[in-house]
mmCIF file of all heavy atoms, coordinates in Angstrom:
data_MODEL
# 
_entry.id   MODEL 
# 
loop_
_atom_site.group_PDB 
_atom_site.id 
_atom_site.type_symbol 
_atom_site.label_atom_id 
_atom_site.label_alt_id 
_atom_site.label_comp_id 
_atom_site.label_asym_id 
_atom_site.label_entity_id 
_atom_site.label_seq_id 
_atom_site.pdbx_PDB_ins_code 
_atom_site.Cartn_x 
_atom_site.Cartn_y 
_atom_site.Cartn_z 
_atom_site.occupancy 
_atom_site.B_iso_or_equiv 
_atom_site.pdbx_formal_charge 
_atom_site.auth_seq_id 
_atom_site.auth_comp_id 
_atom_site.auth_asym_id 
_atom_site.auth_atom_id 
_atom_site.pdbx_PDB_model_num 
ATOM 1   N N   . ASP A 1 1  ? -18.718 -2.109  7.795   1.00 0.00 ? 1  ASP A N   1 
ATOM 2   C CA  . ASP A 1 1  ? -18.232 -2.967  6.697   1.00 0.00 ? 1  ASP A CA  1 
ATOM 3   C C   . ASP A 1 1  ? -17.107 -2.298  5.899   1.00 0.00 ? 1  ASP A C   1 
ATOM 4   O O   . ASP A 1 1  ? -16.669 -2.848  4.889   1.00 0.00 ? 1  ASP A O   1 
ATOM 5   C CB  . ASP A 1 1  ? -19.376 -3.376  5.791   1.00 0.00 ? 1  ASP A CB  1 
ATOM 6   C CG  . ASP A 1 1  ? -20.098 -2.244  5.114   1.00 0.00 ? 1  ASP A CG  1 
ATOM 7   O OD1 . ASP A 1 1  ? -19.712 -1.044  5.386   1.00 0.00 ? 1  ASP A OD1 1 
ATOM 8   O OD2 . ASP A 1 1  ? -21.040 -2.481  4.356   1.00 0.00 ? 1  ASP A OD2 1 
ATOM 9   N N   . ASN A 1 2  ? -16.593 -1.164  6.385   1.00 0.00 ? 2  ASN A N   1 
ATOM 10  C CA  . ASN A 1 2  ? -15.373 -0.571  5.822   1.00 0.00 ? 2  ASN A CA  1 
ATOM 11  C C   . ASN A 1 2  ? -14.124 -1.234  6.409   1.00 0.00 ? 2  ASN A C   1 
ATOM 12  O O   . ASN A 1 2  ? -13.013 -0.986  5.906   1.00 0.00 ? 2  ASN A O   1 
ATOM 13  C CB  . ASN A 1 2  ? -15.279 0.928   6.105   1.00 0.00 ? 2  ASN A CB  1 
ATOM 14  C CG  . ASN A 1 2  ? -16.343 1.751   5.380   1.00 0.00 ? 2  ASN A CG  1 
ATOM 15  O OD1 . ASN A 1 2  ? -16.688 2.851   5.848   1.00 0.00 ? 2  ASN A OD1 1 
ATOM 16  N ND2 . ASN A 1 2  ? -16.912 1.248   4.283   1.00 0.00 ? 2  ASN A ND2 1 
ATOM 17  N N   . ILE A 1 3  ? -14.282 -2.059  7.427   1.00 0.00 ? 3  ILE A N   1 
ATOM 18  C CA  . ILE A 1 3  ? -13.143 -2.733  8.047   1.00 0.00 ? 3  ILE A CA  1 
ATOM 19  C C   . ILE A 1 3  ? -12.485 -3.638  7.023   1.00 0.00 ? 3  ILE A C   1 
ATOM 20  O O   . ILE A 1 3  ? -13.080 -4.411  6.312   1.00 0.00 ? 3  ILE A O   1 
ATOM 21  C CB  . ILE A 1 3  ? -13.584 -3.557  9.290   1.00 0.00 ? 3  ILE A CB  1 
ATOM 22  C CG1 . ILE A 1 3  ? -13.956 -2.649  10.429  1.00 0.00 ? 3  ILE A CG1 1 
ATOM 23  C CG2 . ILE A 1 3  ? -12.504 -4.550  9.703   1.00 0.00 ? 3  ILE A CG2 1 
ATOM 24  C CD1 . ILE A 1 3  ? -12.796 -1.939  11.102  1.00 0.00 ? 3  ILE A CD1 1 
ATOM 25  N N   . LEU A 1 4  ? -11.110 -3.529  6.978   1.00 0.00 ? 4  LEU A N   1 
ATOM 26  C CA  . LEU A 1 4  ? -10.288 -4.440  6.184   1.00 0.00 ? 4  LEU A CA  1 
ATOM 27  C C   . LEU A 1 4  ? -9.481  -5.272  7.207   1.00 0.00 ? 4  LEU A C   1 
ATOM 28  O O   . LEU A 1 4  ? -8.574  -4.735  7.847   1.00 0.00 ? 4  LEU A O   1 
ATOM 29  C CB  . LEU A 1 4  ? -9.362  -3.662  5.237   1.00 0.00 ? 4  LEU A CB  1 
ATOM 30  C CG  . LEU A 1 4  ? -8.464  -4.519  4.333   1.00 0.00 ? 4  LEU A CG  1 
ATOM 31  C CD1 . LEU A 1 4  ? -9.307  -5.184  3.221   1.00 0.00 ? 4  LEU A CD1 1 
ATOM 32  C CD2 . LEU A 1 4  ? -7.384  -3.651  3.722   1.00 0.00 ? 4  LEU A CD2 1 
ATOM 33  N N   . PRO A 1 5  ? -9.758  -6.553  7.358   1.00 0.00 ? 5  PRO A N   1 
ATOM 34  C CA  . PRO A 1 5  ? -9.113  -7.341  8.433   1.00 0.00 ? 5  PRO A CA  1 
ATOM 35  C C   . PRO A 1 5  ? -7.652  -7.638  8.103   1.00 0.00 ? 5  PRO A C   1 
ATOM 36  O O   . PRO A 1 5  ? -7.227  -7.611  6.927   1.00 0.00 ? 5  PRO A O   1 
ATOM 37  C CB  . PRO A 1 5  ? -9.937  -8.633  8.445   1.00 0.00 ? 5  PRO A CB  1 
ATOM 38  C CG  . PRO A 1 5  ? -10.557 -8.756  7.117   1.00 0.00 ? 5  PRO A CG  1 
ATOM 39  C CD  . PRO A 1 5  ? -10.823 -7.331  6.654   1.00 0.00 ? 5  PRO A CD  1 
ATOM 40  N N   . ALA A 1 6  ? -6.903  -7.909  9.132   1.00 0.00 ? 6  ALA A N   1 
ATOM 41  C CA  . ALA A 1 6  ? -5.498  -8.252  8.998   1.00 0.00 ? 6  ALA A CA  1 
ATOM 42  C C   . ALA A 1 6  ? -5.297  -9.395  8.012   1.00 0.00 ? 6  ALA A C   1 
ATOM 43  O O   . ALA A 1 6  ? -6.092  -10.324 7.973   1.00 0.00 ? 6  ALA A O   1 
ATOM 44  C CB  . ALA A 1 6  ? -4.893  -8.623  10.364  1.00 0.00 ? 6  ALA A CB  1 
ATOM 45  N N   . GLY A 1 7  ? -4.308  -9.304  7.184   1.00 0.00 ? 7  GLY A N   1 
ATOM 46  C CA  . GLY A 1 7  ? -4.006  -10.301 6.183   1.00 0.00 ? 7  GLY A CA  1 
ATOM 47  C C   . GLY A 1 7  ? -4.655  -10.059 4.858   1.00 0.00 ? 7  GLY A C   1 
ATOM 48  O O   . GLY A 1 7  ? -4.439  -10.840 3.886   1.00 0.00 ? 7  GLY A O   1 
ATOM 49  N N   . SER A 1 8  ? -5.410  -8.955  4.746   1.00 0.00 ? 8  SER A N   1 
ATOM 50  C CA  . SER A 1 8  ? -6.113  -8.624  3.483   1.00 0.00 ? 8  SER A CA  1 
ATOM 51  C C   . SER A 1 8  ? -5.375  -7.521  2.757   1.00 0.00 ? 8  SER A C   1 
ATOM 52  O O   . SER A 1 8  ? -4.731  -6.670  3.341   1.00 0.00 ? 8  SER A O   1 
ATOM 53  C CB  . SER A 1 8  ? -7.558  -8.169  3.769   1.00 0.00 ? 8  SER A CB  1 
ATOM 54  O OG  . SER A 1 8  ? -8.264  -9.153  4.483   1.00 0.00 ? 8  SER A OG  1 
ATOM 55  N N   . ASP A 1 9  ? -5.495  -7.523  1.434   1.00 0.00 ? 9  ASP A N   1 
ATOM 56  C CA  . ASP A 1 9  ? -4.956  -6.457  0.598   1.00 0.00 ? 9  ASP A CA  1 
ATOM 57  C C   . ASP A 1 9  ? -5.914  -5.269  0.535   1.00 0.00 ? 9  ASP A C   1 
ATOM 58  O O   . ASP A 1 9  ? -7.147  -5.465  0.642   1.00 0.00 ? 9  ASP A O   1 
ATOM 59  C CB  . ASP A 1 9  ? -4.689  -6.941  -0.816  1.00 0.00 ? 9  ASP A CB  1 
ATOM 60  C CG  . ASP A 1 9  ? -3.580  -7.992  -0.917  1.00 0.00 ? 9  ASP A CG  1 
ATOM 61  O OD1 . ASP A 1 9  ? -2.723  -7.996  0.001   1.00 0.00 ? 9  ASP A OD1 1 
ATOM 62  O OD2 . ASP A 1 9  ? -3.606  -8.795  -1.861  1.00 0.00 ? 9  ASP A OD2 1 
ATOM 63  N N   . PHE A 1 10 ? -5.372  -4.064  0.377   1.00 0.00 ? 10 PHE A N   1 
ATOM 64  C CA  . PHE A 1 10 ? -6.174  -2.886  0.213   1.00 0.00 ? 10 PHE A CA  1 
ATOM 65  C C   . PHE A 1 10 ? -6.363  -2.572  -1.256  1.00 0.00 ? 10 PHE A C   1 
ATOM 66  O O   . PHE A 1 10 ? -5.390  -2.250  -1.937  1.00 0.00 ? 10 PHE A O   1 
ATOM 67  C CB  . PHE A 1 10 ? -5.531  -1.698  0.943   1.00 0.00 ? 10 PHE A CB  1 
ATOM 68  C CG  . PHE A 1 10 ? -6.189  -0.343  0.636   1.00 0.00 ? 10 PHE A CG  1 
ATOM 69  C CD1 . PHE A 1 10 ? -7.409  -0.052  1.246   1.00 0.00 ? 10 PHE A CD1 1 
ATOM 70  C CD2 . PHE A 1 10 ? -5.609  0.564   -0.182  1.00 0.00 ? 10 PHE A CD2 1 
ATOM 71  C CE1 . PHE A 1 10 ? -8.010  1.168   0.994   1.00 0.00 ? 10 PHE A CE1 1 
ATOM 72  C CE2 . PHE A 1 10 ? -6.200  1.777   -0.453  1.00 0.00 ? 10 PHE A CE2 1 
ATOM 73  C CZ  . PHE A 1 10 ? -7.417  2.112   0.154   1.00 0.00 ? 10 PHE A CZ  1 
ATOM 74  N N   . PRO A 1 11 ? -7.586  -2.644  -1.795  1.00 0.00 ? 11 PRO A N   1 
ATOM 75  C CA  . PRO A 1 11 ? -7.802  -2.332  -3.181  1.00 0.00 ? 11 PRO A CA  1 
ATOM 76  C C   . PRO A 1 11 ? -7.844  -0.821  -3.400  1.00 0.00 ? 11 PRO A C   1 
ATOM 77  O O   . PRO A 1 11 ? -8.642  -0.097  -2.762  1.00 0.00 ? 11 PRO A O   1 
ATOM 78  C CB  . PRO A 1 11 ? -9.160  -2.922  -3.475  1.00 0.00 ? 11 PRO A CB  1 
ATOM 79  C CG  . PRO A 1 11 ? -9.896  -2.968  -2.165  1.00 0.00 ? 11 PRO A CG  1 
ATOM 80  C CD  . PRO A 1 11 ? -8.800  -3.106  -1.102  1.00 0.00 ? 11 PRO A CD  1 
ATOM 81  N N   . TYR A 1 12 ? -7.001  -0.308  -4.308  1.00 0.00 ? 12 TYR A N   1 
ATOM 82  C CA  . TYR A 1 12 ? -6.968  1.134   -4.525  1.00 0.00 ? 12 TYR A CA  1 
ATOM 83  C C   . TYR A 1 12 ? -8.342  1.554   -5.015  1.00 0.00 ? 12 TYR A C   1 
ATOM 84  O O   . TYR A 1 12 ? -8.889  1.037   -5.967  1.00 0.00 ? 12 TYR A O   1 
ATOM 85  C CB  . TYR A 1 12 ? -5.914  1.488   -5.578  1.00 0.00 ? 12 TYR A CB  1 
ATOM 86  C CG  . TYR A 1 12 ? -5.525  2.948   -5.581  1.00 0.00 ? 12 TYR A CG  1 
ATOM 87  C CD1 . TYR A 1 12 ? -4.414  3.375   -4.854  1.00 0.00 ? 12 TYR A CD1 1 
ATOM 88  C CD2 . TYR A 1 12 ? -6.287  3.896   -6.295  1.00 0.00 ? 12 TYR A CD2 1 
ATOM 89  C CE1 . TYR A 1 12 ? -4.051  4.716   -4.839  1.00 0.00 ? 12 TYR A CE1 1 
ATOM 90  C CE2 . TYR A 1 12 ? -5.925  5.224   -6.254  1.00 0.00 ? 12 TYR A CE2 1 
ATOM 91  C CZ  . TYR A 1 12 ? -4.815  5.644   -5.515  1.00 0.00 ? 12 TYR A CZ  1 
ATOM 92  O OH  . TYR A 1 12 ? -4.482  6.959   -5.514  1.00 0.00 ? 12 TYR A OH  1 
ATOM 93  N N   . PRO A 1 13 ? -8.933  2.551   -4.344  1.00 0.00 ? 13 PRO A N   1 
ATOM 94  C CA  . PRO A 1 13 ? -10.360 2.865   -4.611  1.00 0.00 ? 13 PRO A CA  1 
ATOM 95  C C   . PRO A 1 13 ? -10.577 3.639   -5.888  1.00 0.00 ? 13 PRO A C   1 
ATOM 96  O O   . PRO A 1 13 ? -9.705  4.387   -6.370  1.00 0.00 ? 13 PRO A O   1 
ATOM 97  C CB  . PRO A 1 13 ? -10.774 3.683   -3.393  1.00 0.00 ? 13 PRO A CB  1 
ATOM 98  C CG  . PRO A 1 13 ? -9.480  4.337   -2.994  1.00 0.00 ? 13 PRO A CG  1 
ATOM 99  C CD  . PRO A 1 13 ? -8.389  3.380   -3.248  1.00 0.00 ? 13 PRO A CD  1 
ATOM 100 N N   . ALA A 1 14 ? -11.783 3.548   -6.381  1.00 0.00 ? 14 ALA A N   1 
ATOM 101 C CA  . ALA A 1 14 ? -12.186 4.314   -7.543  1.00 0.00 ? 14 ALA A CA  1 
ATOM 102 C C   . ALA A 1 14 ? -12.411 5.781   -7.190  1.00 0.00 ? 14 ALA A C   1 
ATOM 103 O O   . ALA A 1 14 ? -12.500 6.136   -6.012  1.00 0.00 ? 14 ALA A O   1 
ATOM 104 C CB  . ALA A 1 14 ? -13.487 3.711   -8.120  1.00 0.00 ? 14 ALA A CB  1 
ATOM 105 N N   . ALA A 1 15 ? -12.425 6.591   -8.210  1.00 0.00 ? 15 ALA A N   1 
ATOM 106 C CA  . ALA A 1 15 ? -12.812 8.022   -8.107  1.00 0.00 ? 15 ALA A CA  1 
ATOM 107 C C   . ALA A 1 15 ? -11.800 8.866   -7.348  1.00 0.00 ? 15 ALA A C   1 
ATOM 108 O O   . ALA A 1 15 ? -12.095 9.992   -6.904  1.00 0.00 ? 15 ALA A O   1 
ATOM 109 C CB  . ALA A 1 15 ? -14.193 8.168   -7.426  1.00 0.00 ? 15 ALA A CB  1 
ATOM 110 N N   . SER A 1 16 ? -10.565 8.354   -7.194  1.00 0.00 ? 16 SER A N   1 
ATOM 111 C CA  . SER A 1 16 ? -9.518  9.119   -6.491  1.00 0.00 ? 16 SER A CA  1 
ATOM 112 C C   . SER A 1 16 ? -8.162  8.908   -7.149  1.00 0.00 ? 16 SER A C   1 
ATOM 113 O O   . SER A 1 16 ? -7.855  7.798   -7.629  1.00 0.00 ? 16 SER A O   1 
ATOM 114 C CB  . SER A 1 16 ? -9.454  8.690   -5.010  1.00 0.00 ? 16 SER A CB  1 
ATOM 115 O OG  . SER A 1 16 ? -8.436  9.421   -4.315  1.00 0.00 ? 16 SER A OG  1 
ATOM 116 N N   . GLN A 1 17 ? -7.355  9.956   -7.091  1.00 0.00 ? 17 GLN A N   1 
ATOM 117 C CA  . GLN A 1 17 ? -6.002  9.883   -7.564  1.00 0.00 ? 17 GLN A CA  1 
ATOM 118 C C   . GLN A 1 17 ? -5.006  10.200  -6.448  1.00 0.00 ? 17 GLN A C   1 
ATOM 119 O O   . GLN A 1 17 ? -3.791  10.367  -6.710  1.00 0.00 ? 17 GLN A O   1 
ATOM 120 C CB  . GLN A 1 17 ? -5.791  10.870  -8.724  1.00 0.00 ? 17 GLN A CB  1 
ATOM 121 C CG  . GLN A 1 17 ? -6.706  10.666  -9.903  1.00 0.00 ? 17 GLN A CG  1 
ATOM 122 C CD  . GLN A 1 17 ? -6.504  9.317   -10.570 1.00 0.00 ? 17 GLN A CD  1 
ATOM 123 O OE1 . GLN A 1 17 ? -5.395  8.868   -10.724 1.00 0.00 ? 17 GLN A OE1 1 
ATOM 124 N NE2 . GLN A 1 17 ? -7.610  8.641   -10.939 1.00 0.00 ? 17 GLN A NE2 1 
ATOM 125 N N   . ASP A 1 18 ? -5.494  10.319  -5.234  1.00 0.00 ? 18 ASP A N   1 
ATOM 126 C CA  . ASP A 1 18 ? -4.635  10.766  -4.118  1.00 0.00 ? 18 ASP A CA  1 
ATOM 127 C C   . ASP A 1 18 ? -5.136  10.097  -2.827  1.00 0.00 ? 18 ASP A C   1 
ATOM 128 O O   . ASP A 1 18 ? -5.843  10.708  -2.032  1.00 0.00 ? 18 ASP A O   1 
ATOM 129 C CB  . ASP A 1 18 ? -4.665  12.280  -3.994  1.00 0.00 ? 18 ASP A CB  1 
ATOM 130 C CG  . ASP A 1 18 ? -3.641  12.836  -3.030  1.00 0.00 ? 18 ASP A CG  1 
ATOM 131 O OD1 . ASP A 1 18 ? -2.595  12.159  -2.834  1.00 0.00 ? 18 ASP A OD1 1 
ATOM 132 O OD2 . ASP A 1 18 ? -3.832  13.940  -2.512  1.00 0.00 ? 18 ASP A OD2 1 
ATOM 133 N N   . VAL A 1 19 ? -4.739  8.822   -2.605  1.00 0.00 ? 19 VAL A N   1 
ATOM 134 C CA  . VAL A 1 19 ? -5.168  8.055   -1.451  1.00 0.00 ? 19 VAL A CA  1 
ATOM 135 C C   . VAL A 1 19 ? -4.088  8.040   -0.418  1.00 0.00 ? 19 VAL A C   1 
ATOM 136 O O   . VAL A 1 19 ? -2.969  7.615   -0.695  1.00 0.00 ? 19 VAL A O   1 
ATOM 137 C CB  . VAL A 1 19 ? -5.565  6.637   -1.878  1.00 0.00 ? 19 VAL A CB  1 
ATOM 138 C CG1 . VAL A 1 19 ? -5.995  5.807   -0.656  1.00 0.00 ? 19 VAL A CG1 1 
ATOM 139 C CG2 . VAL A 1 19 ? -6.713  6.687   -2.903  1.00 0.00 ? 19 VAL A CG2 1 
ATOM 140 N N   . HIS A 1 20 ? -4.393  8.487   0.830   1.00 0.00 ? 20 HIS A N   1 
ATOM 141 C CA  . HIS A 1 20 ? -3.451  8.647   1.881   1.00 0.00 ? 20 HIS A CA  1 
ATOM 142 C C   . HIS A 1 20 ? -3.634  7.615   2.997   1.00 0.00 ? 20 HIS A C   1 
ATOM 143 O O   . HIS A 1 20 ? -4.720  7.120   3.248   1.00 0.00 ? 20 HIS A O   1 
ATOM 144 C CB  . HIS A 1 20 ? -3.540  10.031  2.511   1.00 0.00 ? 20 HIS A CB  1 
ATOM 145 C CG  . HIS A 1 20 ? -2.963  11.097  1.699   1.00 0.00 ? 20 HIS A CG  1 
ATOM 146 N ND1 . HIS A 1 20 ? -2.482  12.285  2.211   1.00 0.00 ? 20 HIS A ND1 1 
ATOM 147 C CD2 . HIS A 1 20 ? -2.745  11.178  0.340   1.00 0.00 ? 20 HIS A CD2 1 
ATOM 148 C CE1 . HIS A 1 20 ? -2.004  13.047  1.256   1.00 0.00 ? 20 HIS A CE1 1 
ATOM 149 N NE2 . HIS A 1 20 ? -2.162  12.404  0.102   1.00 0.00 ? 20 HIS A NE2 1 
ATOM 150 N N   . PHE A 1 21 ? -2.550  7.327   3.713   1.00 0.00 ? 21 PHE A N   1 
ATOM 151 C CA  . PHE A 1 21 ? -2.534  6.496   4.927   1.00 0.00 ? 21 PHE A CA  1 
ATOM 152 C C   . PHE A 1 21 ? -2.514  7.386   6.145   1.00 0.00 ? 21 PHE A C   1 
ATOM 153 O O   . PHE A 1 21 ? -1.957  8.472   6.128   1.00 0.00 ? 21 PHE A O   1 
ATOM 154 C CB  . PHE A 1 21 ? -1.333  5.579   4.911   1.00 0.00 ? 21 PHE A CB  1 
ATOM 155 C CG  . PHE A 1 21 ? -0.037  6.317   4.705   1.00 0.00 ? 21 PHE A CG  1 
ATOM 156 C CD1 . PHE A 1 21 ? 0.619   7.018   5.751   1.00 0.00 ? 21 PHE A CD1 1 
ATOM 157 C CD2 . PHE A 1 21 ? 0.577   6.370   3.456   1.00 0.00 ? 21 PHE A CD2 1 
ATOM 158 C CE1 . PHE A 1 21 ? 1.773   7.696   5.578   1.00 0.00 ? 21 PHE A CE1 1 
ATOM 159 C CE2 . PHE A 1 21 ? 1.752   7.063   3.265   1.00 0.00 ? 21 PHE A CE2 1 
ATOM 160 C CZ  . PHE A 1 21 ? 2.342   7.750   4.303   1.00 0.00 ? 21 PHE A CZ  1 
ATOM 161 N N   . GLU A 1 22 ? -3.103  6.890   7.248   1.00 0.00 ? 22 GLU A N   1 
ATOM 162 C CA  . GLU A 1 22 ? -3.017  7.543   8.576   1.00 0.00 ? 22 GLU A CA  1 
ATOM 163 C C   . GLU A 1 22 ? -3.021  6.445   9.614   1.00 0.00 ? 22 GLU A C   1 
ATOM 164 O O   . GLU A 1 22 ? -4.060  5.832   9.893   1.00 0.00 ? 22 GLU A O   1 
ATOM 165 C CB  . GLU A 1 22 ? -4.199  8.497   8.770   1.00 0.00 ? 22 GLU A CB  1 
ATOM 166 C CG  . GLU A 1 22 ? -4.315  9.612   7.751   1.00 0.00 ? 22 GLU A CG  1 
ATOM 167 C CD  . GLU A 1 22 ? -5.414  10.622  8.079   1.00 0.00 ? 22 GLU A CD  1 
ATOM 168 O OE1 . GLU A 1 22 ? -5.981  10.546  9.199   1.00 0.00 ? 22 GLU A OE1 1 
ATOM 169 O OE2 . GLU A 1 22 ? -5.717  11.486  7.244   1.00 0.00 ? 22 GLU A OE2 1 
ATOM 170 N N   . VAL A 1 23 ? -1.882  6.170   10.234  1.00 0.00 ? 23 VAL A N   1 
ATOM 171 C CA  . VAL A 1 23 ? -1.791  5.120   11.258  1.00 0.00 ? 23 VAL A CA  1 
ATOM 172 C C   . VAL A 1 23 ? -2.464  5.589   12.516  1.00 0.00 ? 23 VAL A C   1 
ATOM 173 O O   . VAL A 1 23 ? -2.327  6.749   12.910  1.00 0.00 ? 23 VAL A O   1 
ATOM 174 C CB  . VAL A 1 23 ? -0.355  4.701   11.510  1.00 0.00 ? 23 VAL A CB  1 
ATOM 175 C CG1 . VAL A 1 23 ? 0.511   5.877   11.981  1.00 0.00 ? 23 VAL A CG1 1 
ATOM 176 C CG2 . VAL A 1 23 ? -0.273  3.537   12.489  1.00 0.00 ? 23 VAL A CG2 1 
ATOM 177 N N   . GLU A 1 24 ? -3.166  4.678   13.202  1.00 0.00 ? 24 GLU A N   1 
ATOM 178 C CA  . GLU A 1 24 ? -3.922  5.058   14.410  1.00 0.00 ? 24 GLU A CA  1 
ATOM 179 C C   . GLU A 1 24 ? -3.936  3.905   15.415  1.00 0.00 ? 24 GLU A C   1 
ATOM 180 O O   . GLU A 1 24 ? -3.980  2.733   15.070  1.00 0.00 ? 24 GLU A O   1 
ATOM 181 C CB  . GLU A 1 24 ? -5.355  5.443   14.052  1.00 0.00 ? 24 GLU A CB  1 
ATOM 182 C CG  . GLU A 1 24 ? -5.435  6.317   12.806  1.00 0.00 ? 24 GLU A CG  1 
ATOM 183 C CD  . GLU A 1 24 ? -6.520  7.389   12.899  1.00 0.00 ? 24 GLU A CD  1 
ATOM 184 O OE1 . GLU A 1 24 ? -7.261  7.404   13.903  1.00 0.00 ? 24 GLU A OE1 1 
ATOM 185 O OE2 . GLU A 1 24 ? -6.592  8.235   12.002  1.00 0.00 ? 24 GLU A OE2 1 
ATOM 186 N N   . LEU A 1 25 ? -3.982  4.261   16.706  1.00 0.00 ? 25 LEU A N   1 
ATOM 187 C CA  . LEU A 1 25 ? -4.332  3.332   17.764  1.00 0.00 ? 25 LEU A CA  1 
ATOM 188 C C   . LEU A 1 25 ? -5.842  3.176   17.737  1.00 0.00 ? 25 LEU A C   1 
ATOM 189 O O   . LEU A 1 25 ? -6.598  4.161   17.793  1.00 0.00 ? 25 LEU A O   1 
ATOM 190 C CB  . LEU A 1 25 ? -3.904  3.885   19.130  1.00 0.00 ? 25 LEU A CB  1 
ATOM 191 C CG  . LEU A 1 25 ? -4.361  3.044   20.338  1.00 0.00 ? 25 LEU A CG  1 
ATOM 192 C CD1 . LEU A 1 25 ? -3.632  1.714   20.401  1.00 0.00 ? 25 LEU A CD1 1 
ATOM 193 C CD2 . LEU A 1 25 ? -4.154  3.857   21.638  1.00 0.00 ? 25 LEU A CD2 1 
ATOM 194 N N   . VAL A 1 26 ? -6.327  1.921   17.673  1.00 0.00 ? 26 VAL A N   1 
ATOM 195 C CA  . VAL A 1 26 ? -7.746  1.625   17.639  1.00 0.00 ? 26 VAL A CA  1 
ATOM 196 C C   . VAL A 1 26 ? -8.169  1.176   19.052  1.00 0.00 ? 26 VAL A C   1 
ATOM 197 O O   . VAL A 1 26 ? -7.516  0.305   19.643  1.00 0.00 ? 26 VAL A O   1 
ATOM 198 C CB  . VAL A 1 26 ? -8.089  0.545   16.607  1.00 0.00 ? 26 VAL A CB  1 
ATOM 199 C CG1 . VAL A 1 26 ? -9.558  0.193   16.682  1.00 0.00 ? 26 VAL A CG1 1 
ATOM 200 C CG2 . VAL A 1 26 ? -7.688  1.018   15.217  1.00 0.00 ? 26 VAL A CG2 1 
# 
């Protein structure tokens, strides 16, 4: 349930000030 489907916005998460991206082949 951590999946964020295509077309959805990513809500900046609580408890963090440094959120990173990592592109991957699934």
